[in-house]
Amino acid sequence: MIPALLLGLVVGIVLGVVGGGGSIIAVPALVYGMGMSPAQAIPTSLLVVGLSSLAALLPRIREGLNWPVIALVGAAGIPAAWGGAAVGRLVDPDLLMLAFAVIMVLAGIRMLTATRESEGSCSTGPTRAFRTCAPKAVAVGLLVGFLTGMLGVGGGFLITPALTIFLGLRMTQAVGTSLAIIIINSAAGFSAHAAGYTIDWPTTLTFAVPAILGSMVAARFARRLKDKHIRISFAALIFAVAAWVTASTTTA
């Protein structure tokens, strides 16, 4: 139970600070740390990450979330998550975890190369620049939703880079907006995996409670951090977990 408590706490802290990324720890932790199969770990991760994201979002609601972007990305992600879940059932679990690692590396590289923090067409929502913002927001929603369903992630490690790089949101706004989208995606992904899934309540609660508490506390302290430091820390975490997943999968 101690590993579950510690890993859950790390998941919550990451979610609270960067508005995503908790699931890239949750899925490998549940598979390699807690001994779950990917089929068990995916819905468990979605449940824990969804609840933790909700807890991390509450302190940020007054900070100006981008609700139009949340609606567009979230709505597009729901059917995509169901499609991703269907595809994931057909893929070998080891290949699924390796694909997970590859996507993490790509997301980390994008975070490090995004050095400019200029506001884009979606920074105030799609109302002022609907033609340029809305299609990009829907495309992001479809991609992240599909990966959410297939890999069992809330999508935050992709949503946060996508919101800043492709939609032009500043990091401070992207974090809260990402958390709201993660909640929608996690709910959609969990519903897609719910059939035949039995929740292991002792493990889930041991993992979820410290994650929720950690996300609430971290969300309050995250306001003091600079965007550049959040980016670098987030990318470093992604690379470390990707290496862990690759080594664990190839040596198993």
Protein backbone atom coordinates (compact mmCIF):
# COMPACT_ATOMS: atom_id res chain seq x y z
CA MET A 1 0.00 0.00 0.00
CA ILE A 2 2.92 2.38 0.66
CA PRO A 3 3.97 2.45 -3.04
CA ALA A 4 0.37 3.18 -3.99
CA LEU A 5 0.21 6.07 -1.51
CA LEU A 6 3.48 7.59 -2.72
CA LEU A 7 2.73 7.15 -6.41
CA GLY A 8 -0.76 8.57 -5.95
CA LEU A 9 0.72 11.61 -4.24
CA VAL A 10 3.13 12.17 -7.16
CA VAL A 11 0.24 11.90 -9.64
CA GLY A 12 -1.72 14.54 -7.74
CA ILE A 13 1.22 16.94 -7.44
CA VAL A 14 1.94 16.74 -11.17
CA LEU A 15 -1.71 17.37 -12.02
CA GLY A 16 -1.90 20.33 -9.67
CA VAL A 17 1.25 21.99 -10.96
CA VAL A 18 1.10 21.50 -14.74
CA GLY A 19 -2.57 20.79 -15.36
CA GLY A 20 -1.91 17.32 -16.69
CA GLY A 21 0.64 14.58 -16.87
CA GLY A 22 -0.67 12.62 -13.89
CA SER A 23 -1.83 9.77 -16.06
CA ILE A 24 1.61 9.21 -17.59
CA ILE A 25 2.64 8.22 -14.08
CA ALA A 26 -0.61 6.51 -13.11
CA VAL A 27 -0.76 3.94 -15.92
CA PRO A 28 2.87 2.72 -15.62
CA ALA A 29 2.63 2.83 -11.81
CA LEU A 30 -0.49 0.67 -11.79
CA VAL A 31 0.97 -1.76 -14.35
CA TYR A 32 4.57 -2.07 -13.14
CA GLY A 33 4.23 -0.88 -9.54
CA MET A 34 0.91 -2.42 -8.52
CA GLY A 35 0.89 -5.45 -10.83
CA MET A 36 -2.30 -4.61 -12.72
CA SER A 37 -2.82 -5.60 -16.32
CA PRO A 38 -3.20 -2.73 -18.82
CA ALA A 39 -6.88 -3.66 -19.12
CA GLN A 40 -7.30 -3.02 -15.37
CA ALA A 41 -4.92 -0.08 -15.14
CA ILE A 42 -6.52 1.97 -17.92
CA PRO A 43 -10.00 2.48 -16.37
CA THR A 44 -8.49 2.76 -12.88
CA SER A 45 -6.15 5.49 -14.10
CA LEU A 46 -8.99 7.36 -15.79
CA LEU A 47 -11.04 7.25 -12.60
CA VAL A 48 -8.22 8.48 -10.37
CA VAL A 49 -7.00 11.15 -12.80
CA GLY A 50 -10.51 12.44 -13.40
CA LEU A 51 -11.20 12.86 -9.68
CA SER A 52 -7.76 14.39 -9.03
CA SER A 53 -8.19 16.84 -11.91
CA LEU A 54 -11.53 17.95 -10.48
CA ALA A 55 -9.88 18.63 -7.13
CA ALA A 56 -7.03 20.56 -8.80
CA LEU A 57 -9.48 22.58 -10.91
CA LEU A 58 -11.49 23.98 -8.00
CA PRO A 59 -8.81 26.47 -6.82
CA ARG A 60 -8.37 27.68 -10.42
CA ILE A 61 -11.98 28.31 -11.44
CA ARG A 62 -11.75 32.01 -10.65
CA GLU A 63 -8.53 32.44 -12.63
CA GLY A 64 -10.16 32.69 -16.04
CA LEU A 65 -10.63 29.35 -17.79
CA ASN A 66 -11.13 29.36 -21.54
CA TRP A 67 -14.64 27.91 -21.60
CA PRO A 68 -15.20 28.02 -25.40
CA VAL A 69 -12.02 26.01 -25.94
CA ILE A 70 -13.04 23.60 -23.16
CA ALA A 71 -16.39 23.04 -24.87
CA LEU A 72 -14.90 22.49 -28.34
CA VAL A 73 -12.00 20.25 -27.31
CA GLY A 74 -14.09 18.33 -24.77
CA ALA A 75 -17.02 17.70 -27.12
CA ALA A 76 -14.75 16.47 -29.91
CA GLY A 77 -12.90 14.21 -27.48
CA ILE A 78 -15.93 12.22 -26.27
CA PRO A 79 -16.66 10.16 -29.43
CA ALA A 80 -12.93 9.99 -30.17
CA ALA A 81 -12.32 8.40 -26.75
CA TRP A 82 -14.85 5.70 -27.47
CA GLY A 83 -13.16 4.98 -30.80
CA GLY A 84 -9.74 4.88 -29.16
CA ALA A 85 -10.96 2.39 -26.55
CA ALA A 86 -12.24 0.09 -29.28
CA VAL A 87 -8.88 0.20 -31.09
CA GLY A 88 -6.95 -0.31 -27.85
CA ARG A 89 -8.68 -3.62 -27.19
CA LEU A 90 -7.24 -4.96 -30.45
CA VAL A 91 -3.61 -3.96 -29.75
CA ASP A 92 -1.04 -6.08 -27.91
CA PRO A 93 -0.50 -4.66 -24.37
CA ASP A 94 3.27 -4.39 -24.82
CA LEU A 95 2.87 -2.47 -28.08
CA LEU A 96 0.34 -0.26 -26.34
CA MET A 97 2.85 0.65 -23.62
CA LEU A 98 5.62 1.28 -26.16
CA ALA A 99 3.30 3.54 -28.15
CA PHE A 100 2.62 5.30 -24.87
CA ALA A 101 6.37 5.93 -24.41
CA VAL A 102 6.85 7.24 -27.97
CA ILE A 103 3.99 9.73 -27.61
CA MET A 104 5.39 10.93 -24.28
CA VAL A 105 8.79 11.65 -25.85
CA LEU A 106 7.19 13.61 -28.70
CA ALA A 107 5.12 15.64 -26.25
CA GLY A 108 8.20 16.38 -24.13
CA ILE A 109 10.18 17.57 -27.15
CA ARG A 110 7.34 19.86 -28.17
CA MET A 111 7.20 21.37 -24.69
CA LEU A 112 10.93 22.13 -24.75
CA THR A 113 10.85 23.64 -28.23
CA ALA A 114 7.90 25.90 -27.43
CA THR A 115 9.96 28.83 -26.23
CA ARG A 116 7.60 31.62 -27.23
CA GLU A 117 4.56 32.48 -25.10
CA SER A 118 2.59 34.63 -27.52
CA GLU A 119 -1.18 34.68 -27.43
CA GLY A 120 -2.86 33.03 -30.40
CA SER A 121 -6.28 33.00 -32.04
CA CYS A 122 -7.79 30.88 -29.26
CA SER A 123 -6.37 32.82 -26.32
CA THR A 124 -9.71 34.58 -25.73
CA GLY A 125 -11.86 31.75 -27.06
CA PRO A 126 -13.10 31.13 -30.61
CA THR A 127 -15.61 33.99 -30.64
CA ARG A 128 -13.13 36.54 -32.03
CA ALA A 129 -11.38 34.26 -34.49
CA PHE A 130 -13.77 31.36 -35.01
CA ARG A 131 -12.52 30.35 -38.43
CA THR A 132 -8.94 29.86 -37.29
CA CYS A 133 -9.50 28.72 -33.72
CA ALA A 134 -12.45 26.31 -33.86
CA PRO A 135 -11.01 23.85 -36.43
CA LYS A 136 -7.74 23.62 -34.50
CA ALA A 137 -9.59 23.12 -31.20
CA VAL A 138 -11.71 20.33 -32.68
CA ALA A 139 -8.63 18.65 -34.18
CA VAL A 140 -6.86 18.75 -30.81
CA GLY A 141 -9.97 17.29 -29.17
CA LEU A 142 -10.17 14.40 -31.64
CA LEU A 143 -6.49 13.50 -31.30
CA VAL A 144 -6.33 13.73 -27.52
CA GLY A 145 -9.70 11.99 -27.09
CA PHE A 146 -8.60 9.07 -29.24
CA LEU A 147 -5.37 8.65 -27.28
CA THR A 148 -7.31 8.99 -24.02
CA GLY A 149 -9.49 6.03 -24.90
CA MET A 150 -6.71 3.93 -26.35
CA LEU A 151 -3.99 4.50 -23.74
CA GLY A 152 -6.06 5.23 -20.64
CA VAL A 153 -4.71 8.72 -20.06
CA GLY A 154 -6.55 11.91 -19.22
CA GLY A 155 -4.62 13.49 -22.06
CA GLY A 156 -3.12 16.32 -20.02
CA PHE A 157 0.45 15.61 -21.10
CA LEU A 158 -0.76 16.26 -24.64
CA ILE A 159 -3.49 18.81 -23.93
CA THR A 160 -1.22 21.27 -22.13
CA PRO A 161 1.36 21.40 -24.97
CA ALA A 162 -1.43 21.52 -27.56
CA LEU A 163 -3.20 24.43 -25.85
CA THR A 164 0.00 26.47 -25.67
CA ILE A 165 1.65 25.49 -28.97
CA PHE A 166 -1.26 25.06 -31.37
CA LEU A 167 -4.05 27.16 -29.82
CA GLY A 168 -1.90 29.97 -28.45
CA LEU A 169 -3.02 29.92 -24.82
CA ARG A 170 -0.60 31.19 -22.21
CA MET A 171 0.61 28.56 -19.77
CA THR A 172 -1.24 30.10 -16.84
CA GLN A 173 -4.56 29.80 -18.66
CA ALA A 174 -3.71 26.49 -20.30
CA VAL A 175 -3.25 24.69 -16.96
CA GLY A 176 -6.79 25.28 -15.70
CA THR A 177 -8.31 24.79 -19.16
CA SER A 178 -6.41 21.51 -19.48
CA LEU A 179 -7.75 20.23 -16.16
CA ALA A 180 -11.35 20.86 -17.24
CA ILE A 181 -10.77 19.00 -20.53
CA ILE A 182 -9.09 16.12 -18.68
CA ILE A 183 -12.22 15.68 -16.55
CA ILE A 184 -14.38 15.41 -19.68
CA ASN A 185 -11.96 13.05 -21.45
CA SER A 186 -11.48 10.86 -18.39
CA ALA A 187 -15.24 10.47 -17.96
CA ALA A 188 -15.64 9.58 -21.64
CA GLY A 189 -12.73 7.15 -21.58
CA PHE A 190 -13.91 5.51 -18.37
CA SER A 191 -17.40 4.99 -19.79
CA ALA A 192 -15.85 3.31 -22.83
CA HIS A 193 -13.92 0.88 -20.61
CA ALA A 194 -16.58 0.38 -17.93
CA ALA A 195 -18.18 -2.71 -19.46
CA GLY A 196 -16.88 -5.78 -17.64
CA TYR A 197 -14.60 -3.73 -15.40
CA THR A 198 -14.73 -4.29 -11.64
CA ILE A 199 -13.16 -1.58 -9.50
CA ASP A 200 -10.49 -2.76 -7.06
CA TRP A 201 -11.63 -0.36 -4.35
CA PRO A 202 -8.77 -0.85 -1.83
CA THR A 203 -6.07 -0.18 -4.44
CA THR A 204 -8.05 2.56 -6.17
CA LEU A 205 -8.79 4.48 -2.97
CA THR A 206 -5.22 4.07 -1.68
CA PHE A 207 -4.05 5.56 -4.96
CA ALA A 208 -6.81 8.16 -5.36
CA VAL A 209 -6.93 9.80 -1.91
CA PRO A 210 -3.30 11.06 -1.85
CA ALA A 211 -3.64 12.02 -5.54
CA ILE A 212 -6.66 14.21 -4.79
CA LEU A 213 -5.06 15.81 -1.74
CA GLY A 214 -1.76 16.33 -3.56
CA SER A 215 -3.47 17.98 -6.53
CA MET A 216 -5.36 20.43 -4.32
CA VAL A 217 -2.25 21.51 -2.41
CA ALA A 218 -0.02 21.67 -5.51
CA ALA A 219 -2.56 23.76 -7.42
CA ARG A 220 -2.28 26.49 -4.80
CA PHE A 221 1.53 26.54 -4.80
CA ALA A 222 1.79 26.32 -8.61
CA ARG A 223 0.78 29.97 -8.97
CA ARG A 224 4.22 30.98 -7.70
CA LEU A 225 6.09 29.07 -10.42
CA LYS A 226 7.24 30.57 -13.71
CA ASP A 227 5.92 29.14 -16.99
CA LYS A 228 9.43 28.30 -18.20
CA HIS A 229 10.19 26.24 -15.09
CA ILE A 230 6.90 24.37 -15.39
CA ARG A 231 7.69 23.50 -19.03
CA ILE A 232 11.18 22.20 -18.29
CA SER A 233 10.08 20.19 -15.26
CA PHE A 234 7.14 18.72 -17.17
CA ALA A 235 9.35 17.68 -20.10
CA ALA A 236 11.95 16.12 -17.80
CA LEU A 237 9.26 14.10 -16.05
CA ILE A 238 7.85 12.88 -19.36
CA PHE A 239 11.28 11.73 -20.58
CA ALA A 240 11.99 9.90 -17.31
CA VAL A 241 8.68 8.02 -17.35
CA ALA A 242 9.05 7.20 -21.06
CA ALA A 243 12.46 5.64 -20.35
CA TRP A 244 10.98 3.67 -17.44
CA VAL A 245 8.08 2.37 -19.54
CA THR A 246 10.40 1.38 -22.43
CA ALA A 247 12.86 -0.43 -20.16
CA SER A 248 10.10 -2.24 -18.26
CA THR A 249 8.33 -3.33 -21.45
CA THR A 250 11.38 -4.50 -23.39
CA THR A 251 12.94 -6.40 -20.46
CA ALA A 252 9.74 -8.07 -19.27
